[in-house]
Protein backbone atom coordinates (compact mmCIF):
# COMPACT_ATOMS: atom_id res chain seq x y z
CA UNK A 1 -26.40 16.18 11.47
CA UNK A 2 -27.40 13.08 13.39
CA UNK A 3 -29.64 12.80 16.42
CA UNK A 4 -27.58 11.90 19.52
CA UNK A 5 -27.95 8.39 20.82
CA UNK A 6 -29.89 8.62 24.13
CA UNK A 7 -27.73 5.89 25.67
CA UNK A 8 -24.63 8.09 25.43
CA UNK A 9 -26.19 11.56 25.54
CA UNK A 10 -25.33 13.63 28.59
CA UNK A 11 -26.91 16.78 29.87
CA UNK A 12 -29.26 18.68 27.66
CA UNK A 13 -29.80 17.44 24.14
CA UNK A 14 -31.16 19.24 21.13
CA UNK A 15 -34.68 18.24 21.98
CA UNK A 16 -34.61 20.31 25.18
CA UNK A 17 -34.09 23.69 23.59
CA UNK A 18 -34.12 27.12 25.15
CA UNK A 19 -33.32 26.00 28.68
CA UNK A 20 -30.49 27.57 30.67
CA UNK A 21 -31.25 25.79 33.92
CA UNK A 22 -29.03 23.22 35.59
CA UNK A 23 -28.70 19.78 34.09
CA UNK A 24 -31.28 17.31 35.30
CA UNK A 25 -31.66 13.64 34.59
CA UNK A 26 -35.25 13.37 33.38
CA UNK A 27 -37.33 10.22 33.32
CA UNK A 28 -36.88 9.79 29.59
CA UNK A 29 -33.08 9.52 29.79
CA UNK A 30 -32.58 7.95 33.23
CA UNK A 31 -32.74 4.37 31.86
CA UNK A 32 -30.35 4.95 28.93
CA UNK A 33 -27.91 6.81 31.19
CA UNK A 34 -27.88 3.90 33.65
CA UNK A 35 -27.17 1.57 30.71
CA UNK A 36 -24.34 3.84 29.58
CA UNK A 37 -22.82 3.81 33.08
CA UNK A 38 -23.18 0.03 33.18
CA UNK A 39 -21.30 -0.31 29.89
CA UNK A 40 -18.40 1.76 31.22
CA UNK A 41 -18.27 -0.06 34.55
CA UNK A 42 -18.22 -3.43 32.77
CA UNK A 43 -15.47 -2.15 30.47
CA UNK A 44 -13.41 -0.98 33.46
CA UNK A 45 -13.74 -4.36 35.21
CA UNK A 46 -12.78 -6.36 32.10
CA UNK A 47 -9.81 -4.18 31.25
CA UNK A 48 -8.54 -4.05 34.86
CA UNK A 49 -8.51 -7.83 34.95
CA UNK A 50 -6.67 -8.01 31.64
CA UNK A 51 -4.05 -5.45 32.74
CA UNK A 52 -3.14 -7.67 35.69
CA UNK A 53 -2.90 -10.78 33.51
CA UNK A 54 -0.97 -9.08 30.71
CA UNK A 55 1.49 -7.32 33.03
CA UNK A 56 2.10 -10.55 34.95
CA UNK A 57 2.85 -12.52 31.79
CA UNK A 58 4.94 -9.65 30.43
CA UNK A 59 7.20 -9.59 33.52
CA UNK A 60 7.37 -13.38 33.60
CA UNK A 61 8.35 -13.69 29.93
CA UNK A 62 10.39 -10.44 29.64
CA UNK A 63 8.10 -9.24 26.83
CA UNK A 64 8.30 -5.50 26.23
CA UNK A 65 5.41 -5.59 23.77
CA UNK A 66 3.16 -7.15 26.42
CA UNK A 67 4.33 -4.71 29.10
CA UNK A 68 3.85 -1.79 26.70
CA UNK A 69 0.35 -2.93 25.88
CA UNK A 70 -0.40 -3.50 29.58
CA UNK A 71 0.72 0.04 30.36
CA UNK A 72 -1.47 1.37 27.59
CA UNK A 73 -4.40 -0.72 28.85
CA UNK A 74 -3.86 0.69 32.34
CA UNK A 75 -4.10 4.20 30.89
CA UNK A 76 -7.33 3.06 29.23
CA UNK A 77 -8.75 2.05 32.60
CA UNK A 78 -7.95 5.48 34.01
CA UNK A 79 -9.46 7.06 30.90
CA UNK A 80 -12.69 5.10 31.31
CA UNK A 81 -12.82 6.20 34.96
CA UNK A 82 -12.30 9.82 33.89
CA UNK A 83 -15.17 9.55 31.42
CA UNK A 84 -17.45 8.31 34.20
CA UNK A 85 -16.38 11.32 36.26
CA UNK A 86 -17.14 13.55 33.27
CA UNK A 87 -20.64 12.10 33.00
CA UNK A 88 -21.20 12.87 36.67
CA UNK A 89 -19.84 16.42 36.42
CA UNK A 90 -22.04 17.08 33.39
CA UNK A 91 -25.12 16.57 35.61
CA UNK A 92 -24.04 19.00 38.33
CA UNK A 93 -26.60 21.79 38.47
CA UNK A 94 -25.74 25.44 38.00
CA UNK A 95 -24.93 27.66 40.94
CA UNK A 96 -24.01 31.28 41.61
CA UNK A 97 -20.37 30.79 40.59
CA UNK A 98 -20.82 28.26 37.77
CA UNK A 99 -23.87 29.21 35.71
CA UNK A 100 -23.40 26.23 33.38
CA UNK A 101 -22.60 23.84 36.19
CA UNK A 102 -19.41 21.82 35.61
CA UNK A 103 -20.15 20.77 32.06
CA UNK A 104 -17.04 22.48 30.64
CA UNK A 105 -14.98 20.08 32.74
CA UNK A 106 -15.97 17.28 30.34
CA UNK A 107 -13.82 19.00 27.70
CA UNK A 108 -10.89 19.27 30.11
CA UNK A 109 -11.20 15.57 30.91
CA UNK A 110 -11.14 14.76 27.21
CA UNK A 111 -7.97 16.84 26.90
CA UNK A 112 -6.46 15.04 29.91
CA UNK A 113 -7.23 11.70 28.27
CA UNK A 114 -5.30 12.74 25.19
CA UNK A 115 -2.33 13.87 27.30
CA UNK A 116 -2.32 10.52 29.15
CA UNK A 117 -2.07 8.73 25.82
CA UNK A 118 0.84 10.93 24.72
CA UNK A 119 2.70 10.15 27.95
CA UNK A 120 2.13 6.43 27.32
CA UNK A 121 3.58 6.82 23.81
CA UNK A 122 6.71 8.51 25.18
CA UNK A 123 7.27 5.77 27.78
CA UNK A 124 6.90 3.01 25.17
CA UNK A 125 9.33 4.68 22.75
CA UNK A 126 12.00 5.17 25.43
CA UNK A 127 11.79 1.56 26.62
CA UNK A 128 11.77 0.24 23.04
CA UNK A 129 15.00 2.09 22.24
CA UNK A 130 16.55 0.58 25.37
CA UNK A 131 15.48 -2.92 24.30
CA UNK A 132 17.20 -2.55 20.92
CA UNK A 133 20.55 -2.31 22.69
CA UNK A 134 19.75 -5.01 25.26
CA UNK A 135 17.41 -7.63 23.75
CA UNK A 136 16.06 -10.41 25.96
CA UNK A 137 14.60 -13.86 25.26
CA UNK A 138 10.82 -13.93 24.92
CA UNK A 139 8.37 -16.85 24.99
CA UNK A 140 6.48 -16.25 21.76
CA UNK A 141 3.63 -18.67 22.51
CA UNK A 142 2.88 -17.11 25.91
CA UNK A 143 2.93 -13.66 24.35
CA UNK A 144 0.56 -14.68 21.55
CA UNK A 145 -1.97 -16.36 23.83
CA UNK A 146 -2.03 -13.41 26.21
CA UNK A 147 -2.46 -10.90 23.40
CA UNK A 148 -5.20 -13.11 21.95
CA UNK A 149 -7.20 -12.64 25.13
CA UNK A 150 -6.60 -8.90 24.71
CA UNK A 151 -8.15 -8.99 21.24
CA UNK A 152 -11.34 -10.46 22.71
CA UNK A 153 -11.57 -8.04 25.66
CA UNK A 154 -10.52 -4.89 23.82
CA UNK A 155 -12.63 -5.75 20.80
CA UNK A 156 -15.72 -6.40 22.91
CA UNK A 157 -15.21 -3.12 24.78
CA UNK A 158 -14.78 -1.19 21.52
CA UNK A 159 -18.02 -2.67 20.19
CA UNK A 160 -19.86 -1.62 23.35
CA UNK A 161 -18.59 1.96 22.97
CA UNK A 162 -19.01 2.21 19.20
CA UNK A 163 -22.68 3.14 19.43
CA UNK A 164 -22.11 6.44 21.22
CA UNK A 165 -18.68 7.54 19.99
CA UNK A 166 -20.10 9.91 17.36
CA UNK A 167 -22.09 11.93 19.90
CA UNK A 168 -19.60 12.60 22.70
CA UNK A 169 -15.91 13.47 22.49
CA UNK A 170 -15.21 11.60 25.73
CA UNK A 171 -16.93 8.45 24.51
CA UNK A 172 -15.04 8.79 21.22
CA UNK A 173 -11.80 9.04 23.18
CA UNK A 174 -12.63 5.86 25.07
CA UNK A 175 -13.61 4.12 21.83
CA UNK A 176 -10.31 5.14 20.19
CA UNK A 177 -8.43 3.79 23.19
CA UNK A 178 -10.07 0.39 22.87
CA UNK A 179 -10.03 0.19 19.07
CA UNK A 180 -6.30 1.00 19.05
CA UNK A 181 -5.71 -1.62 21.75
CA UNK A 182 -7.46 -4.24 19.64
CA UNK A 183 -5.16 -3.51 16.71
CA UNK A 184 -2.16 -3.45 19.03
CA UNK A 185 -3.07 -6.87 20.42
CA UNK A 186 -3.20 -8.22 16.87
CA UNK A 187 0.34 -6.90 16.38
CA UNK A 188 1.53 -8.54 19.59
CA UNK A 189 0.06 -11.88 18.49
CA UNK A 190 1.99 -11.60 15.25
CA UNK A 191 5.13 -10.69 17.22
CA UNK A 192 4.77 -13.76 19.42
CA UNK A 193 4.34 -16.06 16.43
CA UNK A 194 7.39 -14.61 14.68
CA UNK A 195 9.52 -14.97 17.83
CA UNK A 196 8.38 -18.56 18.38
CA UNK A 197 9.20 -19.75 14.87
CA UNK A 198 12.27 -17.63 14.09
CA UNK A 199 13.75 -16.66 17.47
CA UNK A 200 14.02 -13.11 16.18
CA UNK A 201 13.52 -11.32 19.53
CA UNK A 202 14.28 -7.92 17.99
CA UNK A 203 10.70 -7.98 16.69
CA UNK A 204 9.53 -7.28 20.27
CA UNK A 205 10.73 -3.64 20.46
CA UNK A 206 9.81 -3.16 16.78
CA UNK A 207 6.20 -4.10 17.58
CA UNK A 208 6.33 -1.81 20.62
CA UNK A 209 7.29 1.12 18.38
CA UNK A 210 4.45 0.20 16.04
CA UNK A 211 2.14 0.21 19.06
CA UNK A 212 3.35 3.71 19.93
CA UNK A 213 2.70 4.88 16.37
CA UNK A 214 -0.86 3.49 16.40
CA UNK A 215 -1.59 5.17 19.73
CA UNK A 216 -0.14 8.47 18.50
CA UNK A 217 -2.26 8.48 15.34
CA UNK A 218 -5.44 7.64 17.24
CA UNK A 219 -4.67 10.31 19.82
CA UNK A 220 -3.90 13.20 17.48
CA UNK A 221 -7.50 13.89 16.41
CA UNK A 222 -8.74 13.58 19.99
CA UNK A 223 -6.06 16.00 21.16
CA UNK A 224 -6.79 18.57 18.43
CA UNK A 225 -10.56 18.39 18.99
CA UNK A 226 -10.15 18.74 22.75
CA UNK A 227 -7.81 21.71 22.40
CA UNK A 228 -10.20 23.42 19.98
CA UNK A 229 -13.16 23.04 22.33
CA UNK A 230 -11.06 24.09 25.34
CA UNK A 231 -10.38 27.47 23.68
CA UNK A 232 -14.03 27.86 22.57
CA UNK A 233 -13.50 26.87 18.96
CA UNK A 234 -16.48 25.76 16.86
CA UNK A 235 -17.25 22.08 17.55
CA UNK A 236 -16.73 19.51 14.82
CA UNK A 237 -19.86 19.06 12.70
CA UNK A 238 -20.99 22.68 13.07
CA UNK A 239 -20.68 24.70 9.85
CA UNK A 240 -20.79 28.42 10.59
CA UNK A 241 -21.76 29.35 7.03
CA UNK A 242 -24.59 26.83 7.13
CA UNK A 243 -25.81 28.29 10.43
CA UNK A 244 -25.74 31.80 8.97
CA UNK A 245 -27.76 30.62 5.96
CA UNK A 246 -30.32 28.90 8.20
CA UNK A 247 -30.81 32.08 10.21
CA UNK A 248 -31.10 34.21 7.08
CA UNK A 249 -33.75 31.93 5.52
CA UNK A 250 -36.23 32.54 8.33
CA UNK A 251 -39.19 34.72 7.39
CA UNK A 252 -38.94 38.34 8.59
CA UNK A 253 -35.15 38.01 9.12
CA UNK A 254 -33.24 40.72 7.21
CA UNK A 255 -29.75 39.88 8.41
CA UNK A 256 -27.57 38.43 11.15
CA UNK A 257 -24.22 39.37 12.66
CA UNK A 258 -22.12 39.03 15.80
CA UNK A 259 -22.53 35.22 15.67
CA UNK A 260 -20.55 33.16 18.19
CA UNK A 261 -20.63 29.36 18.51
CA UNK A 262 -18.83 27.36 21.19
CA UNK A 263 -19.05 24.13 23.18
CA UNK A 264 -20.51 24.09 26.67
CA UNK A 265 -19.49 20.46 27.07
CA UNK A 266 -18.45 17.55 24.87
CA UNK A 267 -22.12 17.08 23.90
CA UNK A 268 -23.67 20.56 24.04
CA UNK A 269 -23.19 23.58 21.81
CA UNK A 270 -24.20 27.19 22.42
CA UNK A 271 -24.77 30.14 20.09
CA UNK A 272 -25.31 33.86 20.46
CA UNK A 273 -26.31 36.10 17.56
CA UNK A 274 -27.80 39.47 16.69
CA UNK A 275 -30.81 39.00 14.39
CA UNK A 276 -32.20 41.87 12.32
CA UNK A 277 -35.97 41.57 11.76
CA UNK A 278 -38.26 43.76 9.66
CA UNK A 279 -40.69 44.28 12.54
CA UNK A 280 -40.19 43.51 16.24
CA UNK A 281 -43.80 42.37 16.53
CA UNK A 282 -42.71 39.19 14.71
CA UNK A 283 -39.85 38.52 17.13
CA UNK A 284 -41.58 35.93 19.38
CA UNK A 285 -42.42 33.80 16.34
CA UNK A 286 -39.01 34.31 14.76
CA UNK A 287 -37.01 33.41 17.87
CA UNK A 288 -39.13 30.31 18.49
CA UNK A 289 -38.60 29.09 14.92
CA UNK A 290 -34.88 29.87 14.94
CA UNK A 291 -34.25 28.06 18.22
CA UNK A 292 -36.11 25.03 16.91
CA UNK A 293 -34.06 25.07 13.68
CA UNK A 294 -30.80 25.46 15.57
CA UNK A 295 -31.67 22.63 17.95
CA UNK A 296 -32.16 20.34 14.96
CA UNK A 297 -28.62 21.21 13.86
CA UNK A 298 -26.90 20.41 17.16
CA UNK A 299 -27.14 23.78 18.94
CA UNK A 300 -29.07 23.32 22.18
CA UNK A 301 -28.41 26.72 23.79
CA UNK A 302 -29.29 29.70 21.58
CA UNK A 303 -29.36 33.30 22.81
CA UNK A 304 -30.70 35.64 20.13
CA UNK A 305 -30.76 39.42 20.35
CA UNK A 306 -33.33 41.20 18.11
CA UNK A 307 -32.56 44.32 16.11
CA UNK A 308 -34.41 46.41 13.54
CA UNK A 309 -32.88 47.71 10.30
CA UNK A 310 -32.56 51.09 12.00
CA UNK A 311 -30.64 49.72 14.99
CA UNK A 312 -26.95 50.50 15.40
CA UNK A 313 -24.61 48.00 17.02
CA UNK A 314 -21.72 49.72 18.76
CA UNK A 315 -19.72 46.55 19.40
CA UNK A 316 -16.50 46.47 17.30
CA UNK A 317 -17.28 42.87 16.26
CA UNK A 318 -20.63 43.81 14.68
C-alpha cells in the first residue's frame, strides 16, 4: 500500500497512529493542505469561466453536444465545491454528539457527487433522443474551437488533481470528472469537424450519447465505492485476509477474531479486533507493534482488545 500524498491527505494519516482526538491541522501538513485548497479553487475558477463560454456558444450555435458538455462541466464545478466542503468538514473536531467529528460526511459527499453525475447522464440522454427527431443546424467550426478550449482547461485540471486521486475518494471523483470531460471535449471537436465538412448534423446527438456513456462508465466505480463505504464496507485496498495474517505473525499473538474494518472518512480507516496473547504482560509491546504495523497498511485507527487463551468471548460474532 502506498503512502498518502501530503498535498491531498486530510485528517489523520497513517503516521499519526493511535489517536482518537479531533482532527487538527498540524504544522507539517498546513502548507500542503493550503496548496491542495489552492488547486481546487483554481480549478473551480477555470471551469466556471469555461461553463459560461461553452454554454453561450452552445445556445448561439444550437449545439446539443456543447450544451451537454457545459451542463456536465457545471456539475463538475459543484462537485469541486463539494470536495472543498468535505475537506473542511474532515477537520471539524470531535464533540459530545459526534465523536469522530464530521469526517463520515466526506463519504456522503462522494456519494452525492456520483448521484449528480448520474442525473447529468439522464438529462443528456433525454435531450439527445429529442434531437434525433428534431435536428438543428450547427456551426461545426465554432463547436470545435470551443471544445478545443475545453480540452486545455479540463486536461490541465485533471493533471492538477492526478497527484492525489489515489489517496482520497473525493479527489478521485473530481479527477474522474475532469478526465472524462477532457475525453468528451475531444469527441465534441471531432463532432464539429464532421459537421463542418459533411453537414451531417445528426452526429451532434450521437456524440452527446457517447458523452453520456463516458460519464456513466467513469461514475460507476465512484458510485459503488461510495456506497460500500457509506454502509461500512471494507475500503478498497484493504485485504482482510492480509490484515489477519499480519496480526497473527506478531510475537506472542496466538490468534485473532471479531475483526471489523470500516472507513471513518474517504482517507481514514478504522479497525477493531480481539487479540489472543500468550501472556498479558506482553500486551503493551504487542499492541504498540500491531498499531504500528496496521498504520503502515492504511489503518490509522486501531482498537485492540486483549484476551488470553483461557478467555471466553460471549459475543455471537466471536
